[in-house]
Amino acid sequence: MDIEQKQAEYIDHFVKQASNLRGPLLTAVIVETTSHPSLFAFSEILSVPNILELEGTEDSIYLDLLRLYAYGTWSEYKNAAANFLNLVPEQILKLKQLTVLTLAETNKVLPYDNLMQELDVANVRELEDFLINDCMYVGIVKGKLDQLRRCFEVQIAAGRDLRPGQLGNMIKMLANWQSTSENLMLSIQEKIKWADTMSEIDKVHIKNVDDQLEEVKRSLSLKAINIELRGHEEVFSELGGLMDFEEDRSTRPKRRRHPMG
């Protein structure tokens, strides 16, 4: 998606800023990153040494804020709001956008009721306006609003940062998928080989049937010829007998009549 292609330049900008700043200027950069309307990936910024050094200091709440935007959701913020800074409207909007991306990672059909609960939205009209104007038009997600079924059908969604430990699980999942794919490929190859063998057997069988059919045709043809020849022989035989009879009649001596005295 276009939004993902633009991430690199924004990330590079904030990484350079965070690498050269400390104290209030650094925390200001964190607030800016979590408010930026076109930035939705934070893991590389989180890995900047100057930001990691905030751990355990009085400014560690800014580090927690950045982690919330990298991995968290609006519901997680609401359930532990006392542990975070108060969010400005731009930050609230972004966290709700990120929440939609998190929900889209595991479900491609998001019921309106679940979305309204997760996003703390009062009604369907407000929810649909948010999905259209603040998600689809922004480019972080593409999908279809189904008012009849009261759900949002996700087609494409931008990916979020991987949580710590999630990469290992993903590698394991991909390894399992690769193993399953290889086994499936072997099974397909065996089926193709079996099909080829059966095809050759069918070809041999068809050839044998064709040969037998040709043999039957030849046999029937010969029988027909023999029958026809026998028919001619019988005709010739009858004609020969008639000719012999005529010859006998022609050669038989005529009887002479004597005058009566």
Protein backbone atom coordinates (compact mmCIF):
# COMPACT_ATOMS: atom_id res chain seq x y z
CA MET A 1 0.00 0.00 0.00
CA ASP A 2 1.07 3.64 -0.58
CA ILE A 3 0.99 4.44 3.12
CA GLU A 4 3.58 1.74 3.78
CA GLN A 5 5.85 3.03 0.99
CA LYS A 6 5.89 6.47 2.61
CA GLN A 7 6.89 5.13 6.01
CA ALA A 8 10.59 4.89 5.24
CA GLU A 9 11.16 8.62 4.78
CA TYR A 10 9.17 9.55 7.88
CA ILE A 11 10.95 6.92 9.97
CA ASP A 12 14.34 8.08 8.70
CA HIS A 13 13.46 11.70 9.61
CA PHE A 14 12.46 10.89 13.19
CA VAL A 15 15.32 8.43 13.74
CA LYS A 16 17.83 11.16 12.81
CA GLN A 17 16.13 13.65 15.10
CA ALA A 18 15.96 11.24 18.04
CA SER A 19 19.60 10.21 17.57
CA ASN A 20 20.81 13.80 18.03
CA LEU A 21 18.56 15.00 20.84
CA ARG A 22 18.14 14.46 24.59
CA GLY A 23 15.98 15.73 27.41
CA PRO A 24 12.87 17.80 26.62
CA LEU A 25 13.74 18.02 22.93
CA LEU A 26 13.80 14.22 22.70
CA THR A 27 10.47 13.80 24.48
CA ALA A 28 9.00 16.42 22.16
CA VAL A 29 10.07 14.27 19.20
CA ILE A 30 8.24 11.31 20.75
CA VAL A 31 5.06 13.34 21.08
CA GLU A 32 5.42 14.46 17.48
CA THR A 33 5.88 10.92 16.18
CA THR A 34 2.77 9.72 17.99
CA SER A 35 0.78 12.63 16.53
CA HIS A 36 2.06 12.53 12.94
CA PRO A 37 -0.87 11.84 10.57
CA SER A 38 1.13 9.66 8.16
CA LEU A 39 3.38 7.65 10.49
CA PHE A 40 2.17 4.19 11.56
CA ALA A 41 5.44 2.30 12.31
CA PHE A 42 7.57 2.94 15.37
CA SER A 43 9.91 -0.01 16.01
CA GLU A 44 12.94 1.61 14.37
CA ILE A 45 12.41 4.79 16.36
CA LEU A 46 12.07 2.69 19.50
CA SER A 47 15.46 1.12 18.82
CA VAL A 48 17.30 4.47 18.89
CA PRO A 49 19.74 4.35 21.84
CA ASN A 50 18.79 7.83 23.12
CA ILE A 51 15.17 6.71 23.42
CA LEU A 52 16.03 3.38 25.06
CA GLU A 53 18.00 5.30 27.68
CA LEU A 54 14.75 6.80 28.93
CA GLU A 55 14.01 3.46 30.62
CA GLY A 56 13.96 3.93 34.41
CA THR A 57 14.17 7.74 34.26
CA GLU A 58 11.55 10.34 35.06
CA ASP A 59 10.84 10.53 31.32
CA SER A 60 10.22 6.78 30.94
CA ILE A 61 6.52 7.56 30.51
CA TYR A 62 7.40 8.84 27.03
CA LEU A 63 9.05 5.53 26.23
CA ASP A 64 5.89 3.75 27.40
CA LEU A 65 3.88 6.08 25.17
CA LEU A 66 5.96 5.18 22.14
CA ARG A 67 5.61 1.47 22.91
CA LEU A 68 1.84 1.91 23.16
CA TYR A 69 1.77 3.29 19.63
CA ALA A 70 4.06 0.56 18.36
CA TYR A 71 2.10 -2.37 19.80
CA GLY A 72 -0.98 -1.24 21.72
CA THR A 73 -4.63 -0.38 21.11
CA TRP A 74 -7.18 2.16 22.28
CA SER A 75 -8.69 -0.37 24.69
CA GLU A 76 -5.31 -1.01 26.29
CA TYR A 77 -4.82 2.71 26.76
CA LYS A 78 -8.25 3.16 28.35
CA ASN A 79 -7.68 0.23 30.71
CA ALA A 80 -4.40 1.73 31.94
CA ALA A 81 -4.84 5.44 31.22
CA ALA A 82 -3.32 6.39 34.58
CA ASN A 83 0.02 4.94 33.43
CA PHE A 84 0.20 7.13 30.32
CA LEU A 85 0.28 10.76 29.38
CA ASN A 86 -3.00 12.43 28.51
CA LEU A 87 -3.46 12.18 24.78
CA VAL A 88 -4.24 15.06 22.46
CA PRO A 89 -6.95 14.59 19.74
CA GLU A 90 -4.36 13.78 17.05
CA GLN A 91 -2.90 11.03 19.25
CA ILE A 92 -6.34 9.62 20.03
CA LEU A 93 -7.20 9.47 16.34
CA LYS A 94 -3.93 7.73 15.49
CA LEU A 95 -4.30 5.16 18.27
CA LYS A 96 -7.80 4.31 17.05
CA GLN A 97 -6.47 3.94 13.50
CA LEU A 98 -3.77 1.60 14.79
CA THR A 99 -6.46 -0.34 16.68
CA VAL A 100 -8.28 -1.04 13.40
CA LEU A 101 -5.02 -2.36 11.91
CA THR A 102 -4.55 -4.66 14.90
CA LEU A 103 -8.09 -6.03 14.56
CA ALA A 104 -7.58 -6.53 10.81
CA GLU A 105 -4.50 -8.68 11.44
CA THR A 106 -6.60 -11.57 12.75
CA ASN A 107 -10.06 -10.96 11.24
CA LYS A 108 -11.07 -9.89 7.76
CA VAL A 109 -14.69 -9.38 8.74
CA LEU A 110 -15.05 -6.90 11.61
CA PRO A 111 -18.56 -6.63 13.12
CA TYR A 112 -19.77 -3.10 13.79
CA ASP A 113 -20.59 -3.93 17.41
CA ASN A 114 -17.01 -5.06 18.10
CA LEU A 115 -15.57 -2.01 16.36
CA MET A 116 -17.80 0.41 18.27
CA GLN A 117 -16.73 -1.21 21.53
CA GLU A 118 -13.01 -1.28 20.70
CA LEU A 119 -12.97 2.26 19.33
CA ASP A 120 -15.35 3.73 21.91
CA VAL A 121 -17.72 4.95 19.18
CA ALA A 122 -21.33 5.80 20.02
CA ASN A 123 -23.21 4.86 16.85
CA VAL A 124 -22.95 3.30 13.39
CA ARG A 125 -22.89 6.65 11.56
CA GLU A 126 -19.89 7.81 13.56
CA LEU A 127 -18.16 4.48 13.03
CA GLU A 128 -18.67 4.48 9.26
CA ASP A 129 -17.47 8.08 8.98
CA PHE A 130 -14.32 7.10 10.87
CA LEU A 131 -13.67 4.05 8.71
CA ILE A 132 -14.20 6.00 5.50
CA ASN A 133 -12.50 9.31 6.29
CA ASP A 134 -9.80 8.29 8.75
CA CYS A 135 -8.92 4.80 7.56
CA MET A 136 -9.76 4.12 3.92
CA TYR A 137 -9.14 7.65 2.59
CA VAL A 138 -5.89 7.80 4.53
CA GLY A 139 -4.81 4.58 2.86
CA ILE A 140 -4.07 2.36 5.84
CA VAL A 141 -6.88 -0.04 5.00
CA LYS A 142 -9.10 -0.97 2.09
CA GLY A 143 -12.43 -2.69 2.49
CA LYS A 144 -16.19 -2.62 2.13
CA LEU A 145 -18.86 -1.38 4.52
CA ASP A 146 -21.72 -3.86 4.69
CA GLN A 147 -24.64 -2.04 6.31
CA LEU A 148 -26.97 -5.01 5.88
CA ARG A 149 -24.69 -7.38 7.77
CA ARG A 150 -23.38 -4.56 10.00
CA CYS A 151 -19.72 -5.33 9.40
CA PHE A 152 -16.56 -4.00 7.76
CA GLU A 153 -15.01 -6.43 5.26
CA VAL A 154 -11.24 -5.88 5.17
CA GLN A 155 -9.50 -6.42 1.83
CA ILE A 156 -6.03 -4.98 2.53
CA ALA A 157 -4.56 -3.50 5.71
CA ALA A 158 -1.18 -2.00 6.54
CA GLY A 159 0.92 -4.03 8.96
CA ARG A 160 1.86 -2.96 12.46
CA ASP A 161 5.16 -3.31 14.30
CA LEU A 162 5.95 -6.77 15.63
CA ARG A 163 5.71 -7.13 19.38
CA PRO A 164 8.77 -8.42 21.27
CA GLY A 165 8.82 -12.20 20.81
CA GLN A 166 6.32 -12.07 17.98
CA LEU A 167 9.07 -12.41 15.38
CA GLY A 168 10.09 -15.80 16.78
CA ASN A 169 6.50 -16.99 16.65
CA MET A 170 6.19 -15.71 13.09
CA ILE A 171 9.38 -17.52 12.06
CA LYS A 172 8.06 -20.71 13.65
CA MET A 173 4.73 -20.28 11.88
CA LEU A 174 6.48 -19.72 8.55
CA ALA A 175 8.68 -22.76 9.14
CA ASN A 176 5.57 -24.86 9.79
CA TRP A 177 3.97 -23.42 6.68
CA GLN A 178 7.08 -24.28 4.66
CA SER A 179 7.07 -27.85 5.99
CA THR A 180 3.37 -28.21 5.21
CA SER A 181 3.93 -26.79 1.73
CA GLU A 182 6.79 -29.21 1.06
CA ASN A 183 4.69 -32.17 2.19
CA LEU A 184 1.83 -30.95 0.04
CA MET A 185 4.20 -30.60 -2.92
CA LEU A 186 5.42 -34.18 -2.44
CA SER A 187 1.84 -35.39 -2.27
CA ILE A 188 0.98 -33.49 -5.46
CA GLN A 189 4.05 -34.90 -7.22
CA GLU A 190 3.08 -38.43 -6.19
CA LYS A 191 -0.45 -37.88 -7.47
CA ILE A 192 0.94 -36.51 -10.76
CA LYS A 193 3.21 -39.56 -11.06
CA TRP A 194 0.27 -41.87 -10.32
CA ALA A 195 -1.84 -40.02 -12.89
CA ASP A 196 0.94 -40.35 -15.49
CA THR A 197 1.19 -44.07 -14.77
CA MET A 198 -2.56 -44.52 -15.07
CA SER A 199 -2.48 -42.51 -18.29
CA GLU A 200 0.13 -44.86 -19.76
CA ILE A 201 -1.91 -47.88 -18.64
CA ASP A 202 -4.99 -46.36 -20.27
CA LYS A 203 -3.03 -45.76 -23.48
CA VAL A 204 -1.89 -49.40 -23.55
CA HIS A 205 -5.41 -50.59 -22.81
CA ILE A 206 -6.86 -48.39 -25.55
CA LYS A 207 -4.24 -49.66 -28.01
CA ASN A 208 -5.07 -53.27 -27.12
CA VAL A 209 -8.78 -52.61 -27.59
CA ASP A 210 -8.10 -50.90 -30.93
CA ASP A 211 -5.94 -53.83 -32.02
CA GLN A 212 -8.63 -56.31 -31.02
CA LEU A 213 -11.24 -54.24 -32.82
CA GLU A 214 -9.13 -54.20 -35.98
CA GLU A 215 -8.65 -57.96 -35.68
CA VAL A 216 -12.40 -58.45 -35.36
CA LYS A 217 -12.96 -56.19 -38.36
CA ARG A 218 -10.45 -58.19 -40.43
CA SER A 219 -12.02 -61.47 -39.32
CA LEU A 220 -15.50 -60.28 -40.21
CA SER A 221 -14.24 -59.00 -43.56
CA LEU A 222 -12.66 -62.36 -44.37
CA LYS A 223 -15.82 -64.20 -43.37
CA ALA A 224 -17.84 -61.92 -45.61
CA ILE A 225 -15.49 -62.63 -48.53
CA ASN A 226 -15.69 -66.38 -47.90
CA ILE A 227 -19.46 -66.27 -47.76
CA GLU A 228 -19.55 -64.31 -50.99
CA LEU A 229 -17.16 -66.75 -52.69
CA ARG A 230 -19.22 -69.73 -51.56
CA GLY A 231 -22.27 -68.09 -52.97
CA HIS A 232 -20.58 -67.69 -56.34
CA GLU A 233 -19.41 -71.32 -56.26
CA GLU A 234 -22.95 -72.55 -55.64
CA VAL A 235 -24.24 -70.44 -58.53
CA PHE A 236 -21.51 -71.73 -60.80
CA SER A 237 -22.26 -75.27 -59.67
CA GLU A 238 -25.94 -74.92 -60.50
CA LEU A 239 -25.11 -73.41 -63.88
CA GLY A 240 -22.66 -76.24 -64.56
CA GLY A 241 -25.35 -78.85 -63.81
CA LEU A 242 -27.78 -77.15 -66.16
CA MET A 243 -25.19 -77.09 -68.91
CA ASP A 244 -24.48 -80.80 -68.45
CA PHE A 245 -28.16 -81.55 -68.69
CA GLU A 246 -28.47 -79.60 -71.93
CA GLU A 247 -25.44 -81.39 -73.33
CA ASP A 248 -27.00 -84.73 -72.45
CA ARG A 249 -30.14 -83.78 -74.25
CA SER A 250 -28.28 -82.67 -77.34
CA THR A 251 -26.13 -85.80 -77.59
CA ARG A 252 -28.82 -88.33 -76.71
CA PRO A 253 -29.80 -90.36 -79.92
CA LYS A 254 -33.23 -89.62 -81.22
CA ARG A 255 -35.76 -92.48 -81.30
CA ARG A 256 -36.90 -93.47 -84.82
CA ARG A 257 -40.51 -94.14 -85.47
CA HIS A 258 -41.33 -97.33 -87.57
CA PRO A 259 -44.28 -97.44 -89.96
CA MET A 260 -47.05 -99.66 -88.94
CA GLY A 261 -47.73 -102.61 -91.22
